[in-house]
Amino acid sequence: ETYRHIWEERFERLDDYLQELQDTQNKEENTDGRS
C-alpha cells in the first residue's frame, strides 16, 4: 500500500498519454477524410 500512489500516478500519466495519442489520431483521420 505504501507504493500505491506511485503506480496510480503512473497509470494516470499513461491514461493521459493514450488519450493524447487517440485525440491526435482522430484529428489526423478527420483531416485526411476532408482533404
PDB file of all heavy atoms in Angstrom:
ATOM      1  N   GLU A   1       0.821  -1.213   0.000  1.00  0.00           N
ATOM      2  CA  GLU A   1       0.000   0.000   0.000  1.00  0.00           C
ATOM      3  C   GLU A   1       0.855   1.263   0.000  1.00  0.00           C
ATOM      4  O   GLU A   1       0.456   2.285  -0.579  1.00  0.00           O
ATOM      5  CB  GLU A   1      -0.942  -0.009   1.203  1.00  0.00           C
ATOM      6  CG  GLU A   1      -1.913   1.134   1.241  1.00  0.00           C
ATOM      7  CD  GLU A   1      -2.908   1.137   0.090  1.00  0.00           C
ATOM      8  OE1 GLU A   1      -3.241   0.055  -0.419  1.00  0.00           O
ATOM      9  OE2 GLU A   1      -3.348   2.232  -0.302  1.00  0.00           O
ATOM     10  N   THR A   2       2.041   1.197   0.602  1.00  0.00           N
ATOM     11  CA  THR A   2       2.899   2.388   0.642  1.00  0.00           C
ATOM     12  C   THR A   2       3.352   2.808  -0.752  1.00  0.00           C
ATOM     13  O   THR A   2       3.770   3.943  -0.941  1.00  0.00           O
ATOM     14  CB  THR A   2       4.141   2.169   1.539  1.00  0.00           C
ATOM     15  OG1 THR A   2       4.924   1.104   1.004  1.00  0.00           O
ATOM     16  CG2 THR A   2       3.750   1.876   2.966  1.00  0.00           C
ATOM     17  N   TYR A   3       3.246   1.906  -1.711  1.00  0.00           N
ATOM     18  CA  TYR A   3       3.667   2.201  -3.082  1.00  0.00           C
ATOM     19  C   TYR A   3       2.504   2.463  -4.027  1.00  0.00           C
ATOM     20  O   TYR A   3       2.712   2.752  -5.201  1.00  0.00           O
ATOM     21  CB  TYR A   3       4.529   1.047  -3.622  1.00  0.00           C
ATOM     22  CG  TYR A   3       5.794   0.905  -2.816  1.00  0.00           C
ATOM     23  CD1 TYR A   3       5.867   0.004  -1.757  1.00  0.00           C
ATOM     24  CD2 TYR A   3       6.890   1.715  -3.074  1.00  0.00           C
ATOM     25  CE1 TYR A   3       7.014  -0.099  -0.998  1.00  0.00           C
ATOM     26  CE2 TYR A   3       8.041   1.618  -2.309  1.00  0.00           C
ATOM     27  CZ  TYR A   3       8.094   0.706  -1.269  1.00  0.00           C
ATOM     28  OH  TYR A   3       9.222   0.619  -0.518  1.00  0.00           O
ATOM     29  N   ARG A   4       1.293   2.374  -3.520  1.00  0.00           N
ATOM     30  CA  ARG A   4       0.111   2.549  -4.371  1.00  0.00           C
ATOM     31  C   ARG A   4       0.114   3.893  -5.099  1.00  0.00           C
ATOM     32  O   ARG A   4      -0.185   3.962  -6.286  1.00  0.00           O
ATOM     33  CB  ARG A   4      -1.173   2.419  -3.559  1.00  0.00           C
ATOM     34  CG  ARG A   4      -2.437   2.668  -4.392  1.00  0.00           C
ATOM     35  CD  ARG A   4      -3.696   2.675  -3.561  1.00  0.00           C
ATOM     36  NE  ARG A   4      -3.979   1.390  -2.995  1.00  0.00           N
ATOM     37  CZ  ARG A   4      -4.625   0.408  -3.637  1.00  0.00           C
ATOM     38  NH1 ARG A   4      -5.028   0.595  -4.865  1.00  0.00           N
ATOM     39  NH2 ARG A   4      -4.860  -0.729  -3.050  1.00  0.00           N
ATOM     40  N   HIS A   5       0.453   4.968  -4.420  1.00  0.00           N
ATOM     41  CA  HIS A   5       0.406   6.294  -5.048  1.00  0.00           C
ATOM     42  C   HIS A   5       1.332   6.369  -6.257  1.00  0.00           C
ATOM     43  O   HIS A   5       1.028   7.055  -7.232  1.00  0.00           O
ATOM     44  CB  HIS A   5       0.743   7.392  -4.028  1.00  0.00           C
ATOM     45  CG  HIS A   5       2.182   7.423  -3.619  1.00  0.00           C
ATOM     46  ND1 HIS A   5       2.709   6.553  -2.697  1.00  0.00           N
ATOM     47  CD2 HIS A   5       3.203   8.205  -4.041  1.00  0.00           C
ATOM     48  CE1 HIS A   5       3.996   6.798  -2.561  1.00  0.00           C
ATOM     49  NE2 HIS A   5       4.332   7.782  -3.350  1.00  0.00           N
ATOM     50  N   ILE A   6       2.436   5.635  -6.225  1.00  0.00           N
ATOM     51  CA  ILE A   6       3.382   5.653  -7.349  1.00  0.00           C
ATOM     52  C   ILE A   6       2.746   5.040  -8.587  1.00  0.00           C
ATOM     53  O   ILE A   6       2.751   5.630  -9.666  1.00  0.00           O
ATOM     54  CB  ILE A   6       4.682   4.915  -6.979  1.00  0.00           C
ATOM     55  CG1 ILE A   6       5.424   5.678  -5.870  1.00  0.00           C
ATOM     56  CG2 ILE A   6       5.574   4.731  -8.201  1.00  0.00           C
ATOM     57  CD1 ILE A   6       6.579   4.914  -5.271  1.00  0.00           C
ATOM     58  N   TRP A   7       2.186   3.829  -8.444  1.00  0.00           N
ATOM     59  CA  TRP A   7       1.633   3.203  -9.652  1.00  0.00           C
ATOM     60  C   TRP A   7       0.351   3.882 -10.089  1.00  0.00           C
ATOM     61  O   TRP A   7       0.079   3.956 -11.283  1.00  0.00           O
ATOM     62  CB  TRP A   7       1.513   1.691  -9.522  1.00  0.00           C
ATOM     63  CG  TRP A   7       0.400   1.122  -8.689  1.00  0.00           C
ATOM     64  CD1 TRP A   7      -0.928   1.150  -8.972  1.00  0.00           C
ATOM     65  CD2 TRP A   7       0.517   0.409  -7.477  1.00  0.00           C
ATOM     66  NE1 TRP A   7      -1.631   0.508  -7.997  1.00  0.00           N
ATOM     67  CE2 TRP A   7      -0.769   0.031  -7.064  1.00  0.00           C
ATOM     68  CE3 TRP A   7       1.591   0.034  -6.684  1.00  0.00           C
ATOM     69  CZ2 TRP A   7      -1.019  -0.684  -5.906  1.00  0.00           C
ATOM     70  CZ3 TRP A   7       1.337  -0.686  -5.527  1.00  0.00           C
ATOM     71  CH2 TRP A   7       0.044  -1.028  -5.153  1.00  0.00           C
ATOM     72  N   GLU A   8      -0.434   4.428  -9.161  1.00  0.00           N
ATOM     73  CA  GLU A   8      -1.642   5.153  -9.576  1.00  0.00           C
ATOM     74  C   GLU A   8      -1.276   6.388 -10.392  1.00  0.00           C
ATOM     75  O   GLU A   8      -1.904   6.690 -11.400  1.00  0.00           O
ATOM     76  CB  GLU A   8      -2.487   5.518  -8.370  1.00  0.00           C
ATOM     77  CG  GLU A   8      -3.242   4.337  -7.802  1.00  0.00           C
ATOM     78  CD  GLU A   8      -4.083   4.686  -6.591  1.00  0.00           C
ATOM     79  OE1 GLU A   8      -3.925   5.791  -6.024  1.00  0.00           O
ATOM     80  OE2 GLU A   8      -4.904   3.837  -6.206  1.00  0.00           O
ATOM     81  N   GLU A   9      -0.224   7.092  -9.952  1.00  0.00           N
ATOM     82  CA  GLU A   9       0.237   8.272 -10.678  1.00  0.00           C
ATOM     83  C   GLU A   9       0.729   7.875 -12.070  1.00  0.00           C
ATOM     84  O   GLU A   9       0.434   8.541 -13.061  1.00  0.00           O
ATOM     85  CB  GLU A   9       1.368   8.950  -9.896  1.00  0.00           C
ATOM     86  CG  GLU A   9       1.935  10.177 -10.571  1.00  0.00           C
ATOM     87  CD  GLU A   9       3.074  10.767  -9.765  1.00  0.00           C
ATOM     88  OE1 GLU A   9       2.859  11.080  -8.573  1.00  0.00           O
ATOM     89  OE2 GLU A   9       4.170  10.898 -10.337  1.00  0.00           O
ATOM     90  N   ARG A  10       1.438   6.772 -12.156  1.00  0.00           N
ATOM     91  CA  ARG A  10       1.944   6.319 -13.461  1.00  0.00           C
ATOM     92  C   ARG A  10       0.810   5.873 -14.372  1.00  0.00           C
ATOM     93  O   ARG A  10       0.856   6.112 -15.573  1.00  0.00           O
ATOM     94  CB  ARG A  10       2.976   5.206 -13.260  1.00  0.00           C
ATOM     95  CG  ARG A  10       4.253   5.758 -12.663  1.00  0.00           C
ATOM     96  CD  ARG A  10       5.296   4.724 -12.457  1.00  0.00           C
ATOM     97  NE  ARG A  10       6.468   5.345 -11.854  1.00  0.00           N
ATOM     98  CZ  ARG A  10       7.510   4.684 -11.444  1.00  0.00           C
ATOM     99  NH1 ARG A  10       7.559   3.369 -11.559  1.00  0.00           N
ATOM    100  NH2 ARG A  10       8.536   5.311 -10.904  1.00  0.00           N
ATOM    101  N   PHE A  11      -0.184   5.225 -13.824  1.00  0.00           N
ATOM    102  CA  PHE A  11      -1.337   4.844 -14.632  1.00  0.00           C
ATOM    103  C   PHE A  11      -2.081   6.071 -15.129  1.00  0.00           C
ATOM    104  O   PHE A  11      -2.550   6.103 -16.277  1.00  0.00           O
ATOM    105  CB  PHE A  11      -2.292   3.927 -13.858  1.00  0.00           C
ATOM    106  CG  PHE A  11      -1.822   2.501 -13.750  1.00  0.00           C
ATOM    107  CD1 PHE A  11      -1.969   1.812 -12.567  1.00  0.00           C
ATOM    108  CD2 PHE A  11      -1.241   1.845 -14.823  1.00  0.00           C
ATOM    109  CE1 PHE A  11      -1.543   0.494 -12.460  1.00  0.00           C
ATOM    110  CE2 PHE A  11      -0.816   0.528 -14.729  1.00  0.00           C
ATOM    111  CZ  PHE A  11      -0.965  -0.148 -13.542  1.00  0.00           C
ATOM    112  N   GLU A  12      -2.200   7.083 -14.283  1.00  0.00           N
ATOM    113  CA  GLU A  12      -2.867   8.318 -14.703  1.00  0.00           C
ATOM    114  C   GLU A  12      -2.101   8.973 -15.845  1.00  0.00           C
ATOM    115  O   GLU A  12      -2.699   9.447 -16.817  1.00  0.00           O
ATOM    116  CB  GLU A  12      -3.003   9.281 -13.524  1.00  0.00           C
ATOM    117  CG  GLU A  12      -4.059   8.850 -12.523  1.00  0.00           C
ATOM    118  CD  GLU A  12      -4.078   9.718 -11.275  1.00  0.00           C
ATOM    119  OE1 GLU A  12      -3.470  10.813 -11.277  1.00  0.00           O
ATOM    120  OE2 GLU A  12      -4.697   9.283 -10.289  1.00  0.00           O
ATOM    121  N   ARG A  13      -0.770   9.010 -15.748  1.00  0.00           N
ATOM    122  CA  ARG A  13       0.042   9.592 -16.828  1.00  0.00           C
ATOM    123  C   ARG A  13      -0.097   8.776 -18.103  1.00  0.00           C
ATOM    124  O   ARG A  13      -0.165   9.327 -19.193  1.00  0.00           O
ATOM    125  CB  ARG A  13       1.512   9.691 -16.409  1.00  0.00           C
ATOM    126  CG  ARG A  13       1.759  10.799 -15.409  1.00  0.00           C
ATOM    127  CD  ARG A  13       3.226  11.122 -15.258  1.00  0.00           C
ATOM    128  NE  ARG A  13       4.067   9.925 -15.198  1.00  0.00           N
ATOM    129  CZ  ARG A  13       5.038   9.715 -14.322  1.00  0.00           C
ATOM    130  NH1 ARG A  13       5.311  10.609 -13.420  1.00  0.00           N
ATOM    131  NH2 ARG A  13       5.745   8.608 -14.352  1.00  0.00           N
ATOM    132  N   LEU A  14      -0.131   7.448 -17.972  1.00  0.00           N
ATOM    133  CA  LEU A  14      -0.322   6.591 -19.133  1.00  0.00           C
ATOM    134  C   LEU A  14      -1.680   6.844 -19.768  1.00  0.00           C
ATOM    135  O   LEU A  14      -1.796   6.939 -20.998  1.00  0.00           O
ATOM    136  CB  LEU A  14      -0.168   5.114 -18.742  1.00  0.00           C
ATOM    137  CG  LEU A  14      -0.370   4.094 -19.855  1.00  0.00           C
ATOM    138  CD1 LEU A  14       0.634   4.310 -20.989  1.00  0.00           C
ATOM    139  CD2 LEU A  14      -0.273   2.682 -19.296  1.00  0.00           C
ATOM    140  N   ASP A  15      -2.719   6.966 -18.944  1.00  0.00           N
ATOM    141  CA  ASP A  15      -4.053   7.285 -19.469  1.00  0.00           C
ATOM    142  C   ASP A  15      -4.043   8.596 -20.243  1.00  0.00           C
ATOM    143  O   ASP A  15      -4.619   8.689 -21.327  1.00  0.00           O
ATOM    144  CB  ASP A  15      -5.083   7.368 -18.333  1.00  0.00           C
ATOM    145  CG  ASP A  15      -5.501   6.020 -17.806  1.00  0.00           C
ATOM    146  OD1 ASP A  15      -5.297   5.001 -18.501  1.00  0.00           O
ATOM    147  OD2 ASP A  15      -6.042   5.980 -16.683  1.00  0.00           O
ATOM    148  N   ASP A  16      -3.394   9.613 -19.664  1.00  0.00           N
ATOM    149  CA  ASP A  16      -3.311  10.909 -20.334  1.00  0.00           C
ATOM    150  C   ASP A  16      -2.598  10.789 -21.676  1.00  0.00           C
ATOM    151  O   ASP A  16      -3.040  11.345 -22.684  1.00  0.00           O
ATOM    152  CB  ASP A  16      -2.589  11.937 -19.455  1.00  0.00           C
ATOM    153  CG  ASP A  16      -3.374  12.318 -18.210  1.00  0.00           C
ATOM    154  OD1 ASP A  16      -4.592  12.026 -18.155  1.00  0.00           O
ATOM    155  OD2 ASP A  16      -2.765  12.888 -17.283  1.00  0.00           O
ATOM    156  N   TYR A  17      -1.503  10.051 -21.696  1.00  0.00           N
ATOM    157  CA  TYR A  17      -0.735   9.879 -22.928  1.00  0.00           C
ATOM    158  C   TYR A  17      -1.546   9.128 -23.982  1.00  0.00           C
ATOM    159  O   TYR A  17      -1.577   9.512 -25.150  1.00  0.00           O
ATOM    160  CB  TYR A  17       0.574   9.149 -22.636  1.00  0.00           C
ATOM    161  CG  TYR A  17       1.403   8.898 -23.867  1.00  0.00           C
ATOM    162  CD1 TYR A  17       2.014   9.954 -24.556  1.00  0.00           C
ATOM    163  CD2 TYR A  17       1.565   7.616 -24.365  1.00  0.00           C
ATOM    164  CE1 TYR A  17       2.768   9.728 -25.694  1.00  0.00           C
ATOM    165  CE2 TYR A  17       2.319   7.377 -25.500  1.00  0.00           C
ATOM    166  CZ  TYR A  17       2.923   8.436 -26.162  1.00  0.00           C
ATOM    167  OH  TYR A  17       3.656   8.209 -27.289  1.00  0.00           O
ATOM    168  N   LEU A  18      -2.213   8.065 -23.570  1.00  0.00           N
ATOM    169  CA  LEU A  18      -3.031   7.304 -24.511  1.00  0.00           C
ATOM    170  C   LEU A  18      -4.180   8.154 -25.060  1.00  0.00           C
ATOM    171  O   LEU A  18      -4.517   8.068 -26.240  1.00  0.00           O
ATOM    172  CB  LEU A  18      -3.559   6.025 -23.856  1.00  0.00           C
ATOM    173  CG  LEU A  18      -2.504   4.978 -23.516  1.00  0.00           C
ATOM    174  CD1 LEU A  18      -3.125   3.826 -22.738  1.00  0.00           C
ATOM    175  CD2 LEU A  18      -1.798   4.477 -24.765  1.00  0.00           C
ATOM    176  N   GLN A  19      -4.782   8.970 -24.213  1.00  0.00           N
ATOM    177  CA  GLN A  19      -5.847   9.862 -24.669  1.00  0.00           C
ATOM    178  C   GLN A  19      -5.306  10.872 -25.674  1.00  0.00           C
ATOM    179  O   GLN A  19      -5.935  11.164 -26.691  1.00  0.00           O
ATOM    180  CB  GLN A  19      -6.497  10.592 -23.476  1.00  0.00           C
ATOM    181  CG  GLN A  19      -7.681  11.442 -23.861  1.00  0.00           C
ATOM    182  CD  GLN A  19      -8.814  10.604 -24.436  1.00  0.00           C
ATOM    183  OE1 GLN A  19      -9.223   9.607 -23.860  1.00  0.00           O
ATOM    184  NE2 GLN A  19      -9.313  10.999 -25.599  1.00  0.00           N
ATOM    185  N   GLU A  20      -4.104  11.390 -25.403  1.00  0.00           N
ATOM    186  CA  GLU A  20      -3.463  12.335 -26.312  1.00  0.00           C
ATOM    187  C   GLU A  20      -3.194  11.671 -27.672  1.00  0.00           C
ATOM    188  O   GLU A  20      -3.452  12.265 -28.719  1.00  0.00           O
ATOM    189  CB  GLU A  20      -2.146  12.799 -25.682  1.00  0.00           C
ATOM    190  CG  GLU A  20      -1.434  13.894 -26.411  1.00  0.00           C
ATOM    191  CD  GLU A  20      -0.166  14.301 -25.676  1.00  0.00           C
ATOM    192  OE1 GLU A  20      -0.236  14.546 -24.451  1.00  0.00           O
ATOM    193  OE2 GLU A  20       0.881  14.341 -26.337  1.00  0.00           O
ATOM    194  N   LEU A  21      -2.709  10.442 -27.668  1.00  0.00           N
ATOM    195  CA  LEU A  21      -2.471   9.714 -28.918  1.00  0.00           C
ATOM    196  C   LEU A  21      -3.771   9.489 -29.679  1.00  0.00           C
ATOM    197  O   LEU A  21      -3.823   9.651 -30.906  1.00  0.00           O
ATOM    198  CB  LEU A  21      -1.816   8.359 -28.629  1.00  0.00           C
ATOM    199  CG  LEU A  21      -0.347   8.350 -28.257  1.00  0.00           C
ATOM    200  CD1 LEU A  21       0.116   6.930 -27.941  1.00  0.00           C
ATOM    201  CD2 LEU A  21       0.507   8.946 -29.359  1.00  0.00           C
ATOM    202  N   GLN A  22      -4.804   9.108 -28.954  1.00  0.00           N
ATOM    203  CA  GLN A  22      -6.096   8.866 -29.586  1.00  0.00           C
ATOM    204  C   GLN A  22      -6.651  10.158 -30.183  1.00  0.00           C
ATOM    205  O   GLN A  22      -7.170  10.162 -31.305  1.00  0.00           O
ATOM    206  CB  GLN A  22      -7.074   8.280 -28.576  1.00  0.00           C
ATOM    207  CG  GLN A  22      -8.360   7.798 -29.203  1.00  0.00           C
ATOM    208  CD  GLN A  22      -9.233   7.072 -28.208  1.00  0.00           C
ATOM    209  OE1 GLN A  22      -9.107   7.256 -26.994  1.00  0.00           O
ATOM    210  NE2 GLN A  22     -10.126   6.243 -28.716  1.00  0.00           N
ATOM    211  N   ASP A  23      -6.538  11.276 -29.460  1.00  0.00           N
ATOM    212  CA  ASP A  23      -7.006  12.564 -29.975  1.00  0.00           C
ATOM    213  C   ASP A  23      -6.241  12.944 -31.246  1.00  0.00           C
ATOM    214  O   ASP A  23      -6.843  13.399 -32.224  1.00  0.00           O
ATOM    215  CB  ASP A  23      -6.847  13.660 -28.925  1.00  0.00           C
ATOM    216  CG  ASP A  23      -7.796  13.488 -27.746  1.00  0.00           C
ATOM    217  OD1 ASP A  23      -8.747  12.676 -27.852  1.00  0.00           O
ATOM    218  OD2 ASP A  23      -7.563  14.145 -26.702  1.00  0.00           O
ATOM    219  N   THR A  24      -4.928  12.740 -31.229  1.00  0.00           N
ATOM    220  CA  THR A  24      -4.101  13.059 -32.395  1.00  0.00           C
ATOM    221  C   THR A  24      -4.508  12.196 -33.584  1.00  0.00           C
ATOM    222  O   THR A  24      -4.650  12.683 -34.704  1.00  0.00           O
ATOM    223  CB  THR A  24      -2.608  12.833 -32.073  1.00  0.00           C
ATOM    224  OG1 THR A  24      -2.244  13.671 -30.984  1.00  0.00           O
ATOM    225  CG2 THR A  24      -1.728  13.135 -33.277  1.00  0.00           C
ATOM    226  N   GLN A  25      -4.724  10.909 -33.335  1.00  0.00           N
ATOM    227  CA  GLN A  25      -5.136  10.003 -34.405  1.00  0.00           C
ATOM    228  C   GLN A  25      -6.497  10.404 -34.963  1.00  0.00           C
ATOM    229  O   GLN A  25      -6.698  10.415 -36.181  1.00  0.00           O
ATOM    230  CB  GLN A  25      -5.187   8.570 -33.893  1.00  0.00           C
ATOM    231  CG  GLN A  25      -5.514   7.548 -34.962  1.00  0.00           C
ATOM    232  CD  GLN A  25      -5.516   6.125 -34.425  1.00  0.00           C
ATOM    233  OE1 GLN A  25      -5.330   5.896 -33.240  1.00  0.00           O
ATOM    234  NE2 GLN A  25      -5.732   5.181 -35.320  1.00  0.00           N
ATOM    235  N   ASN A  26      -7.425  10.751 -34.095  1.00  0.00           N
ATOM    236  CA  ASN A  26      -8.760  11.172 -34.543  1.00  0.00           C
ATOM    237  C   ASN A  26      -8.675  12.449 -35.386  1.00  0.00           C
ATOM    238  O   ASN A  26      -9.360  12.574 -36.406  1.00  0.00           O
ATOM    239  CB  ASN A  26      -9.697  11.379 -33.356  1.00  0.00           C
ATOM    240  CG  ASN A  26     -10.098  10.064 -32.706  1.00  0.00           C
ATOM    241  OD1 ASN A  26      -9.998   8.996 -33.305  1.00  0.00           O
ATOM    242  ND2 ASN A  26     -10.540  10.140 -31.468  1.00  0.00           N
ATOM    243  N   LYS A  27      -7.840  13.403 -34.983  1.00  0.00           N
ATOM    244  CA  LYS A  27      -7.676  14.649 -35.748  1.00  0.00           C
ATOM    245  C   LYS A  27      -7.097  14.354 -37.124  1.00  0.00           C
ATOM    246  O   LYS A  27      -7.529  14.922 -38.120  1.00  0.00           O
ATOM    247  CB  LYS A  27      -6.776  15.626 -34.996  1.00  0.00           C
ATOM    248  CG  LYS A  27      -7.443  16.275 -33.814  1.00  0.00           C
ATOM    249  CD  LYS A  27      -6.487  17.194 -33.082  1.00  0.00           C
ATOM    250  CE  LYS A  27      -7.113  17.720 -31.803  1.00  0.00           C
ATOM    251  NZ  LYS A  27      -6.166  18.544 -31.039  1.00  0.00           N
ATOM    252  N   GLU A  28      -6.096  13.450 -37.157  1.00  0.00           N
ATOM    253  CA  GLU A  28      -5.479  13.100 -38.443  1.00  0.00           C
ATOM    254  C   GLU A  28      -6.495  12.410 -39.355  1.00  0.00           C
ATOM    255  O   GLU A  28      -6.534  12.680 -40.555  1.00  0.00           O
ATOM    256  CB  GLU A  28      -4.260  12.201 -38.227  1.00  0.00           C
ATOM    257  CG  GLU A  28      -3.083  12.932 -37.628  1.00  0.00           C
ATOM    258  CD  GLU A  28      -1.930  12.007 -37.258  1.00  0.00           C
ATOM    259  OE1 GLU A  28      -2.038  10.774 -37.450  1.00  0.00           O
ATOM    260  OE2 GLU A  28      -0.914  12.532 -36.774  1.00  0.00           O
ATOM    261  N   GLU A  29      -7.303  11.539 -38.808  1.00  0.00           N
ATOM    262  CA  GLU A  29      -8.318  10.848 -39.608  1.00  0.00           C
ATOM    263  C   GLU A  29      -9.350  11.842 -40.136  1.00  0.00           C
ATOM    264  O   GLU A  29      -9.776  11.753 -41.279  1.00  0.00           O
ATOM    265  CB  GLU A  29      -8.989   9.746 -38.781  1.00  0.00           C
ATOM    266  CG  GLU A  29      -8.104   8.548 -38.538  1.00  0.00           C
ATOM    267  CD  GLU A  29      -8.724   7.525 -37.599  1.00  0.00           C
ATOM    268  OE1 GLU A  29      -9.861   7.737 -37.105  1.00  0.00           O
ATOM    269  OE2 GLU A  29      -8.054   6.513 -37.330  1.00  0.00           O
ATOM    270  N   ASN A  30      -9.744  12.793 -39.292  1.00  0.00           N
ATOM    271  CA  ASN A  30     -10.719  13.802 -39.724  1.00  0.00           C
ATOM    272  C   ASN A  30     -10.128  14.706 -40.804  1.00  0.00           C
ATOM    273  O   ASN A  30     -10.802  15.059 -41.757  1.00  0.00           O
ATOM    274  CB  ASN A  30     -11.203  14.635 -38.550  1.00  0.00           C
ATOM    275  CG  ASN A  30     -12.116  13.842 -37.625  1.00  0.00           C
ATOM    276  OD1 ASN A  30     -12.708  12.842 -38.036  1.00  0.00           O
ATOM    277  ND2 ASN A  30     -12.215  14.252 -36.388  1.00  0.00           N
ATOM    278  N   THR A  31      -8.878  15.080 -40.651  1.00  0.00           N
ATOM    279  CA  THR A  31      -8.207  15.933 -41.641  1.00  0.00           C
ATOM    280  C   THR A  31      -8.025  15.178 -42.947  1.00  0.00           C
ATOM    281  O   THR A  31      -8.284  15.714 -44.018  1.00  0.00           O
ATOM    282  CB  THR A  31      -6.835  16.389 -41.102  1.00  0.00           C
ATOM    283  OG1 THR A  31      -7.020  17.045 -39.865  1.00  0.00           O
ATOM    284  CG2 THR A  31      -6.161  17.327 -42.092  1.00  0.00           C
ATOM    285  N   ASP A  32      -7.608  13.941 -42.883  1.00  0.00           N
ATOM    286  CA  ASP A  32      -7.409  13.111 -44.097  1.00  0.00           C
ATOM    287  C   ASP A  32      -8.743  12.896 -44.800  1.00  0.00           C
ATOM    288  O   ASP A  32      -8.808  12.901 -46.025  1.00  0.00           O
ATOM    289  CB  ASP A  32      -6.796  11.751 -43.742  1.00  0.00           C
ATOM    290  CG  ASP A  32      -5.344  11.868 -43.328  1.00  0.00           C
ATOM    291  OD1 ASP A  32      -4.738  12.927 -43.575  1.00  0.00           O
ATOM    292  OD2 ASP A  32      -4.826  10.890 -42.743  1.00  0.00           O
ATOM    293  N   GLY A  33      -9.797  12.710 -44.061  1.00  0.00           N
ATOM    294  CA  GLY A  33     -11.110  12.470 -44.656  1.00  0.00           C
ATOM    295  C   GLY A  33     -11.644  13.680 -45.395  1.00  0.00           C
ATOM    296  O   GLY A  33     -12.309  13.576 -46.415  1.00  0.00           O
ATOM    297  N   ARG A  34     -11.344  14.879 -44.914  1.00  0.00           N
ATOM    298  CA  ARG A  34     -11.841  16.118 -45.540  1.00  0.00           C
ATOM    299  C   ARG A  34     -11.043  16.493 -46.767  1.00  0.00           C
ATOM    300  O   ARG A  34     -11.534  17.090 -47.688  1.00  0.00           O
ATOM    301  CB  ARG A  34     -11.788  17.272 -44.535  1.00  0.00           C
ATOM    302  CG  ARG A  34     -12.932  17.224 -43.556  1.00  0.00           C
ATOM    303  CD  ARG A  34     -12.958  18.492 -42.731  1.00  0.00           C
ATOM    304  NE  ARG A  34     -13.047  18.064 -41.354  1.00  0.00           N
ATOM    305  CZ  ARG A  34     -12.419  18.602 -40.341  1.00  0.00           C
ATOM    306  NH1 ARG A  34     -11.615  19.612 -40.537  1.00  0.00           N
ATOM    307  NH2 ARG A  34     -12.564  18.165 -39.143  1.00  0.00           N
ATOM    308  N   SER A  35      -9.736  16.160 -46.798  1.00  0.00           N
ATOM    309  CA  SER A  35      -8.890  16.593 -47.897  1.00  0.00           C
ATOM    310  C   SER A  35      -9.045  15.711 -49.128  1.00  0.00           C
ATOM    311  O   SER A  35      -8.564  16.040 -50.179  1.00  0.00           O
ATOM    312  CB  SER A  35      -7.423  16.628 -47.462  1.00  0.00           C
ATOM    313  OG  SER A  35      -7.002  15.336 -47.087  1.00  0.00           O
TER     314      SER A  35
END
